[in-house]
Amino acid sequence: MKRRGLDEVTREVAVAVKPMCVFTTHTPVPAGHDQFPLSMLRRVLTDYGDAYNQRAVEFCLDNVLNMTYLALDNSHYVNGVAKKHGEISRQMFGQYKVDSITNGVHAGTWISPQIRAVIDRHIAAWREDNASLRYALGIPRHELWAAHRAAKQDLVAWVNQRTGASLFSNAFTIGFARRATPYKRADLLFHDLQRLLALHRSAGPIQVVYGGKAHPRDGSGKDLIRQIFAQIAKLKGQLTVAYVEDYDIAAARRMVAGVDLWLNTPQPPLEASGTSGMKAAMNGVPQLSVLDGWWIEGCIENVTGWAIGDGNTGNGGGIDERAFDAESLYNKLETVILPMFYRDQDRYIDVMRHAIALNGSFFNTERMVDQYVRKAYFR
């Protein structure tokens, strides 16, 4: 407006803004699509005078400013954060062209000191060229395992000191940490306690480390944490579960490197991407996850990790679907993962190496930013 010498927002000015904007939609969950009544906007946006009022009707349907539609209407490029999320977003916003750029994580930040030392010995300049992590397949098994054991011992000592738990460094350790909200289904592991205890006794000792906070206004998320603590109490003396309070980046860095398996149990198709499993993969920790978000792209069964279910669920989240996913989770632990971990260690380490080489080399911010540059910023 200043460049054009205008004191009002004309249609031409609005159109001129569009080539400058890129919009990444991050979730199909309604809470992620903010809406504000025009009465609130008028109280907040006080410095725009008539310029505001003239365009308000155009940008606000039914006297409501929908931030998602504002971005969709005024961006030249729109994307979801995983291929599946792109599909879901195109169904949600059928009149718009929605591409996808799958998220990634920063390798230099999330690879633990123990694993980093091993990678440094075998892969030159991996920090500047994350794709070269594919050469992790050549890391000797005993070196990767020793580094993982060191990270695990660090995690066990830290969790025991913080929580008073009695974790052991030789027991198979499952990690689960993310924002506590119902669709993440953090309690799915406890769907059938007797089944969980049975496989704990027969297939091999299990212990679990939880972390994560609820949004201050998410009462259901807080209830979910309470439910997990109730299950922890029921399992006391039978199966050790620790919940790390005040979960933060420092805690996350320890967890994604120190557990033996990363668990992810969202209700499809609500997991737009998810990144915690990417952080684990960077450290050679395989993931067991529902086929949603990035894991649809990253999962090669028995190679980079394992899938819960067959990817055909997600049609309503009913009790049968939950039971189906829980049964799949238990079966995969009992018949595949625990036997491999306890009785075929070389094969388990091969999965760890593939997690770094195939997932770590691709699901990183270097590749992600390159795709944004080529697809969104300089078209």
Protein backbone atom coordinates (compact mmCIF):
# COMPACT_ATOMS: atom_id res chain seq x y z
CA MET A 1 0.00 0.00 0.00
CA LYS A 2 2.83 2.39 0.88
CA ARG A 3 4.69 1.64 -2.34
CA ARG A 4 1.53 2.26 -4.34
CA GLY A 5 0.57 5.35 -2.38
CA LEU A 6 -2.70 3.82 -1.21
CA ASP A 7 -4.54 4.25 2.08
CA GLU A 8 -6.89 1.32 1.60
CA VAL A 9 -6.54 -2.40 0.90
CA THR A 10 -7.66 -2.81 -2.68
CA ARG A 11 -8.29 -6.13 -4.42
CA GLU A 12 -5.10 -5.50 -6.43
CA VAL A 13 -3.06 -5.15 -3.24
CA ALA A 14 -4.49 -8.38 -1.85
CA VAL A 15 -3.68 -10.22 -5.08
CA ALA A 16 -0.15 -8.83 -5.04
CA VAL A 17 0.46 -10.34 -1.60
CA LYS A 18 -0.36 -13.89 -2.71
CA PRO A 19 2.94 -14.62 -4.57
CA MET A 20 4.81 -13.71 -1.37
CA CYS A 21 3.08 -16.29 0.82
CA VAL A 22 3.52 -20.02 1.42
CA PHE A 23 1.17 -21.94 3.72
CA THR A 24 1.93 -25.25 5.44
CA THR A 25 -1.12 -26.84 7.02
CA HIS A 26 -0.06 -28.94 10.00
CA THR A 27 -2.97 -31.04 11.23
CA PRO A 28 -6.42 -32.31 10.33
CA VAL A 29 -7.49 -31.92 13.98
CA PRO A 30 -10.05 -29.08 14.41
CA ALA A 31 -8.09 -27.51 17.28
CA GLY A 32 -5.34 -26.70 14.79
CA HIS A 33 -7.57 -24.49 12.64
CA ASP A 34 -8.22 -21.32 14.60
CA GLN A 35 -11.35 -19.26 14.07
CA PHE A 36 -12.10 -15.84 15.55
CA PRO A 37 -15.30 -13.77 15.51
CA LEU A 38 -15.15 -10.40 13.77
CA SER A 39 -16.10 -8.71 17.03
CA MET A 40 -12.84 -9.93 18.55
CA LEU A 41 -10.83 -8.79 15.52
CA ARG A 42 -12.29 -5.31 15.79
CA ARG A 43 -11.14 -5.12 19.40
CA VAL A 44 -7.63 -6.35 18.56
CA LEU A 45 -6.87 -4.81 15.16
CA THR A 46 -7.26 -1.17 16.09
CA ASP A 47 -4.71 0.54 13.86
CA TYR A 48 -6.16 -0.17 10.43
CA GLY A 49 -9.34 1.88 10.35
CA ASP A 50 -11.36 1.69 7.16
CA ALA A 51 -8.72 -0.49 5.47
CA TYR A 52 -9.69 -3.30 7.83
CA ASN A 53 -13.42 -2.91 7.46
CA GLN A 54 -13.30 -2.85 3.66
CA ARG A 55 -11.67 -6.26 3.36
CA ALA A 56 -13.15 -7.95 6.44
CA VAL A 57 -16.23 -9.18 4.60
CA GLU A 58 -14.09 -10.61 1.80
CA PHE A 59 -11.78 -12.56 4.10
CA CYS A 60 -14.31 -13.53 6.77
CA LEU A 61 -17.19 -15.88 5.99
CA ASP A 62 -20.25 -15.56 8.23
CA ASN A 63 -18.49 -12.93 10.36
CA VAL A 64 -15.74 -15.40 11.32
CA LEU A 65 -12.06 -15.17 10.46
CA ASN A 66 -10.87 -18.71 9.72
CA MET A 67 -7.08 -18.57 9.77
CA THR A 68 -6.74 -21.68 7.62
CA TYR A 69 -8.93 -20.33 4.83
CA LEU A 70 -7.25 -16.93 5.09
CA ALA A 71 -3.92 -18.68 4.42
CA LEU A 72 -5.33 -20.96 1.72
CA ASP A 73 -6.86 -18.02 -0.17
CA ASN A 74 -3.76 -15.82 0.04
CA SER A 75 -0.84 -18.19 -0.56
CA HIS A 76 0.61 -19.23 -3.89
CA TYR A 77 1.78 -22.61 -2.54
CA VAL A 78 0.12 -24.86 0.04
CA ASN A 79 1.44 -28.11 1.46
CA GLY A 80 0.85 -30.80 4.05
CA VAL A 81 3.65 -32.28 6.14
CA ALA A 82 3.62 -35.87 4.84
CA LYS A 83 2.33 -37.53 1.69
CA LYS A 84 -0.68 -38.99 3.48
CA HIS A 85 -1.39 -35.66 5.17
CA GLY A 86 -1.35 -34.03 1.75
CA GLU A 87 -4.05 -36.48 0.63
CA ILE A 88 -6.15 -35.83 3.73
CA SER A 89 -5.79 -32.07 3.28
CA ARG A 90 -6.91 -32.28 -0.34
CA GLN A 91 -10.04 -34.07 0.88
CA MET A 92 -10.61 -31.39 3.53
CA PHE A 93 -9.99 -28.46 1.18
CA GLY A 94 -11.10 -29.83 -2.17
CA GLN A 95 -11.12 -26.50 -3.99
CA TYR A 96 -7.43 -25.88 -3.32
CA LYS A 97 -4.25 -27.41 -4.71
CA VAL A 98 -2.35 -28.94 -1.78
CA ASP A 99 1.10 -30.45 -2.25
CA SER A 100 3.15 -32.26 0.41
CA ILE A 101 6.63 -31.89 1.88
CA THR A 102 7.34 -34.47 4.57
CA ASN A 103 8.83 -33.14 7.78
CA GLY A 104 12.38 -33.83 8.87
CA VAL A 105 14.49 -33.40 12.00
CA HIS A 106 17.91 -31.83 12.52
CA ALA A 107 20.50 -34.59 12.59
CA GLY A 108 23.16 -32.58 14.42
CA THR A 109 20.73 -31.80 17.24
CA TRP A 110 19.09 -35.19 17.75
CA ILE A 111 21.87 -37.72 17.26
CA SER A 112 23.20 -38.50 20.74
CA PRO A 113 26.88 -38.04 21.68
CA GLN A 114 27.33 -41.81 21.91
CA ILE A 115 25.96 -42.53 18.42
CA ARG A 116 27.57 -39.40 17.00
CA ALA A 117 31.02 -40.68 17.98
CA VAL A 118 30.46 -43.90 16.03
CA ILE A 119 29.12 -42.12 12.96
CA ASP A 120 32.05 -39.70 13.03
CA ARG A 121 34.47 -42.64 12.76
CA HIS A 122 32.78 -44.11 9.70
CA ILE A 123 30.97 -41.39 7.74
CA ALA A 124 32.80 -38.22 6.75
CA ALA A 125 30.97 -34.88 6.68
CA TRP A 126 27.55 -36.38 7.51
CA ARG A 127 26.55 -33.11 9.20
CA GLU A 128 26.94 -31.21 5.93
CA ASP A 129 25.51 -34.07 3.84
CA ASN A 130 22.80 -35.89 5.78
CA ALA A 131 22.15 -38.18 2.81
CA SER A 132 25.52 -39.81 3.50
CA LEU A 133 24.00 -41.37 6.61
CA ARG A 134 22.96 -44.13 4.20
CA TYR A 135 26.49 -45.49 4.71
CA ALA A 136 25.49 -46.43 8.26
CA LEU A 137 24.89 -49.90 6.84
CA GLY A 138 28.67 -50.29 6.96
CA ILE A 139 29.04 -49.46 10.66
CA PRO A 140 30.25 -52.60 12.48
CA ARG A 141 27.46 -54.13 14.53
CA HIS A 142 29.46 -54.30 17.75
CA GLU A 143 30.31 -50.59 17.58
CA LEU A 144 26.72 -49.48 17.05
CA TRP A 145 25.49 -51.79 19.80
CA ALA A 146 28.13 -50.55 22.26
CA ALA A 147 27.15 -46.94 21.55
CA HIS A 148 23.46 -47.75 21.97
CA ARG A 149 24.16 -49.55 25.24
CA ALA A 150 25.99 -46.46 26.53
CA ALA A 151 23.06 -44.21 25.59
CA LYS A 152 20.66 -46.66 27.23
CA GLN A 153 22.65 -46.83 30.45
CA ASP A 154 22.66 -43.03 30.56
CA LEU A 155 18.86 -42.96 30.09
CA VAL A 156 18.21 -45.66 32.71
CA ALA A 157 20.33 -43.92 35.34
CA TRP A 158 18.72 -40.56 34.58
CA VAL A 159 15.13 -41.89 34.67
CA ASN A 160 15.73 -43.82 37.88
CA GLN A 161 17.17 -40.73 39.53
CA ARG A 162 14.27 -38.51 38.38
CA THR A 163 11.37 -40.87 38.98
CA GLY A 164 12.52 -43.37 41.57
CA ALA A 165 11.82 -46.19 39.14
CA SER A 166 13.85 -49.39 39.01
CA LEU A 167 14.73 -49.67 35.34
CA PHE A 168 17.46 -52.09 34.28
CA SER A 169 19.84 -51.53 31.38
CA ASN A 170 19.52 -55.15 30.17
CA ALA A 171 15.72 -55.15 29.81
CA PHE A 172 13.96 -54.32 26.55
CA THR A 173 12.91 -50.69 26.88
CA ILE A 174 10.01 -49.09 25.03
CA GLY A 175 9.81 -45.31 24.72
CA PHE A 176 6.67 -43.23 24.19
CA ALA A 177 6.75 -39.43 24.39
CA ARG A 178 4.65 -36.77 22.70
CA ARG A 179 1.95 -34.25 23.49
CA ALA A 180 -0.72 -35.89 25.62
CA THR A 181 -3.99 -35.68 23.72
CA PRO A 182 -6.60 -38.39 23.11
CA TYR A 183 -5.95 -39.08 19.43
CA LYS A 184 -2.33 -40.00 20.20
CA ARG A 185 -3.72 -42.95 22.23
CA ALA A 186 -0.83 -43.07 24.70
CA ASP A 187 -2.69 -45.70 26.71
CA LEU A 188 -3.10 -48.21 23.85
CA LEU A 189 -0.20 -50.30 25.21
CA PHE A 190 -2.32 -50.93 28.32
CA HIS A 191 -5.47 -51.96 26.45
CA ASP A 192 -5.16 -55.53 27.80
CA LEU A 193 -2.94 -55.62 30.88
CA GLN A 194 -3.08 -59.40 31.20
CA ARG A 195 -1.94 -59.85 27.61
CA LEU A 196 0.87 -57.35 28.15
CA LEU A 197 2.02 -59.13 31.32
CA ALA A 198 1.82 -62.51 29.61
CA LEU A 199 4.16 -61.52 26.81
CA HIS A 200 6.39 -59.76 29.36
CA ARG A 201 6.77 -63.12 31.15
CA SER A 202 7.02 -65.35 28.08
CA ALA A 203 8.72 -63.36 25.32
CA GLY A 204 11.16 -61.35 27.44
CA PRO A 205 11.26 -58.65 30.11
CA ILE A 206 9.78 -55.30 29.11
CA GLN A 207 10.01 -51.86 30.70
CA VAL A 208 8.49 -48.61 29.47
CA VAL A 209 9.47 -44.94 29.67
CA TYR A 210 6.77 -42.33 29.07
CA GLY A 211 7.02 -38.59 28.64
CA GLY A 212 4.88 -35.73 27.41
CA LYS A 213 2.65 -32.89 28.55
CA ALA A 214 -0.93 -31.90 27.85
CA HIS A 215 -1.90 -28.48 26.59
CA PRO A 216 -2.98 -26.39 29.61
CA ARG A 217 -6.54 -26.23 28.25
CA ASP A 218 -6.74 -29.85 27.11
CA GLY A 219 -8.70 -31.50 29.90
CA SER A 220 -8.92 -34.78 27.98
CA GLY A 221 -5.15 -34.81 27.58
CA LYS A 222 -4.70 -34.33 31.31
CA ASP A 223 -7.16 -37.16 31.96
CA LEU A 224 -5.10 -39.38 29.66
CA ILE A 225 -2.00 -38.78 31.78
CA ARG A 226 -3.98 -39.63 34.91
CA GLN A 227 -5.13 -42.87 33.27
CA ILE A 228 -1.55 -43.82 32.46
CA PHE A 229 -0.51 -43.21 36.07
CA ALA A 230 -3.40 -45.43 37.16
CA GLN A 231 -2.10 -48.21 34.91
CA ILE A 232 1.40 -47.71 36.26
CA ALA A 233 0.04 -48.28 39.76
CA LYS A 234 -1.75 -51.48 38.66
CA LEU A 235 1.46 -52.83 37.12
CA LYS A 236 3.68 -51.99 40.08
CA GLY A 237 5.80 -54.95 41.07
CA GLN A 238 5.02 -56.76 37.81
CA LEU A 239 6.17 -54.53 34.95
CA THR A 240 8.09 -51.29 35.41
CA VAL A 241 6.71 -48.15 33.76
CA ALA A 242 8.25 -44.73 34.43
CA TYR A 243 6.67 -41.39 33.50
CA VAL A 244 9.15 -38.53 33.10
CA GLU A 245 7.61 -35.28 34.32
CA ASP A 246 8.43 -31.83 32.91
CA TYR A 247 9.23 -33.35 29.54
CA ASP A 248 11.46 -31.05 27.49
CA ILE A 249 14.05 -31.17 24.70
CA ALA A 250 16.79 -32.40 27.04
CA ALA A 251 14.58 -35.28 28.17
CA ALA A 252 13.58 -36.03 24.57
CA ARG A 253 17.21 -36.25 23.45
CA ARG A 254 17.94 -38.84 26.10
CA MET A 255 14.80 -40.86 25.39
CA VAL A 256 15.04 -41.09 21.59
CA ALA A 257 18.61 -42.36 21.91
CA GLY A 258 18.34 -44.62 24.95
CA VAL A 259 15.24 -46.76 24.42
CA ASP A 260 15.31 -49.95 22.33
CA LEU A 261 12.02 -49.31 20.54
CA TRP A 262 10.02 -46.17 19.83
CA LEU A 263 6.25 -46.64 20.08
CA ASN A 264 3.69 -44.51 18.26
CA THR A 265 -0.04 -45.24 18.40
CA PRO A 266 -2.07 -42.36 16.86
CA GLN A 267 -5.64 -42.69 15.65
CA PRO A 268 -5.44 -42.63 11.83
CA PRO A 269 -5.66 -40.38 9.91
CA LEU A 270 -5.04 -37.69 12.55
CA GLU A 271 -1.24 -37.92 12.70
CA ALA A 272 -0.24 -35.30 10.14
CA SER A 273 3.43 -36.25 10.29
CA GLY A 274 5.00 -36.93 13.68
CA THR A 275 8.71 -36.39 14.18
CA SER A 276 9.69 -38.18 17.40
CA GLY A 277 10.18 -41.45 15.53
CA MET A 278 12.48 -39.65 13.08
CA LYS A 279 14.63 -38.54 16.01
CA ALA A 280 14.76 -42.10 17.30
CA ALA A 281 15.71 -43.44 13.85
CA MET A 282 18.64 -41.01 13.72
CA ASN A 283 19.98 -42.87 16.75
CA GLY A 284 19.35 -46.32 15.36
CA VAL A 285 16.20 -46.87 17.44
CA PRO A 286 13.53 -48.62 15.35
CA GLN A 287 9.87 -47.64 15.51
CA LEU A 288 6.71 -49.65 16.04
CA SER A 289 3.90 -47.44 14.81
CA VAL A 290 0.47 -47.21 13.30
CA LEU A 291 0.74 -46.58 9.56
CA ASP A 292 -0.06 -42.90 9.61
CA GLY A 293 1.91 -39.68 9.10
CA TRP A 294 5.51 -40.09 8.02
CA TRP A 295 5.68 -43.76 8.99
CA ILE A 296 3.74 -44.77 5.87
CA GLU A 297 6.78 -43.52 3.93
CA GLY A 298 9.44 -44.69 6.39
CA CYS A 299 8.29 -48.17 7.36
CA ILE A 300 9.87 -51.13 5.61
CA GLU A 301 8.68 -54.08 7.69
CA ASN A 302 11.51 -55.88 9.50
CA VAL A 303 14.00 -53.52 7.84
CA THR A 304 13.52 -50.04 9.36
CA GLY A 305 10.97 -51.05 11.99
CA TRP A 306 7.46 -52.44 12.25
CA ALA A 307 3.84 -51.48 11.60
CA ILE A 308 0.85 -51.74 13.89
CA GLY A 309 -2.12 -52.93 11.84
CA ASP A 310 -2.33 -52.93 8.07
CA GLY A 311 -3.06 -49.27 7.38
CA ASN A 312 -6.73 -49.90 6.60
CA THR A 313 -8.11 -48.66 9.91
CA GLY A 314 -8.98 -45.09 10.72
CA ASN A 315 -12.66 -45.05 9.89
CA GLY A 316 -14.04 -43.83 13.15
CA GLY A 317 -11.89 -44.85 16.09
CA GLY A 318 -14.45 -47.23 17.57
CA ILE A 319 -13.76 -49.79 20.25
CA ASP A 320 -13.24 -52.61 17.73
CA GLU A 321 -10.62 -50.60 15.88
CA ARG A 322 -8.79 -49.86 19.11
CA ALA A 323 -8.88 -53.53 20.06
CA PHE A 324 -7.60 -54.47 16.58
CA ASP A 325 -4.64 -52.11 16.86
CA ALA A 326 -3.84 -53.25 20.40
CA GLU A 327 -3.89 -56.90 19.32
CA SER A 328 -1.59 -56.09 16.41
CA LEU A 329 0.76 -54.26 18.78
CA TYR A 330 0.94 -57.22 21.18
CA ASN A 331 1.38 -59.75 18.38
CA LYS A 332 4.22 -57.82 16.81
CA LEU A 333 6.01 -57.52 20.15
CA GLU A 334 5.46 -61.17 21.06
CA THR A 335 6.21 -62.90 17.77
CA VAL A 336 8.71 -60.63 16.05
CA ILE A 337 10.35 -57.83 18.03
CA LEU A 338 11.08 -59.39 21.42
CA PRO A 339 12.36 -62.71 19.98
CA MET A 340 14.63 -60.77 17.63
CA PHE A 341 15.94 -58.51 20.41
CA TYR A 342 16.62 -61.29 22.90
CA ARG A 343 17.60 -64.18 20.64
CA ASP A 344 18.82 -62.76 17.33
CA GLN A 345 20.76 -59.66 18.29
CA ASP A 346 22.65 -59.32 15.01
CA ARG A 347 19.36 -59.11 13.14
CA TYR A 348 18.04 -56.49 15.56
CA ILE A 349 21.19 -54.43 15.06
CA ASP A 350 20.67 -54.69 11.30
CA VAL A 351 17.26 -53.06 11.77
CA MET A 352 18.97 -50.36 13.82
CA ARG A 353 21.50 -49.74 11.03
CA HIS A 354 18.73 -49.54 8.45
CA ALA A 355 16.83 -47.06 10.62
CA ILE A 356 19.77 -44.67 10.37
CA ALA A 357 20.67 -45.46 6.76
CA LEU A 358 17.19 -45.36 5.22
CA ASN A 359 15.17 -43.15 7.58
CA GLY A 360 17.87 -40.91 9.06
CA SER A 361 19.35 -40.14 5.66
CA PHE A 362 16.00 -38.91 4.29
CA PHE A 363 13.74 -37.67 7.10
CA ASN A 364 15.99 -34.76 8.02
CA THR A 365 15.74 -30.98 7.80
CA GLU A 366 18.42 -30.77 5.12
CA ARG A 367 16.23 -32.67 2.64
CA MET A 368 13.09 -30.93 3.90
CA VAL A 369 14.44 -27.40 3.45
CA ASP A 370 15.82 -28.31 0.03
CA GLN A 371 12.32 -29.37 -1.01
CA TYR A 372 10.79 -26.15 0.34
CA VAL A 373 13.36 -24.14 -1.61
CA ARG A 374 12.68 -25.99 -4.86
CA LYS A 375 8.92 -26.47 -4.55
CA ALA A 376 7.72 -23.48 -2.55
CA TYR A 377 10.20 -20.61 -2.32
CA PHE A 378 11.77 -20.39 -5.78
CA ARG A 379 9.25 -21.65 -8.30
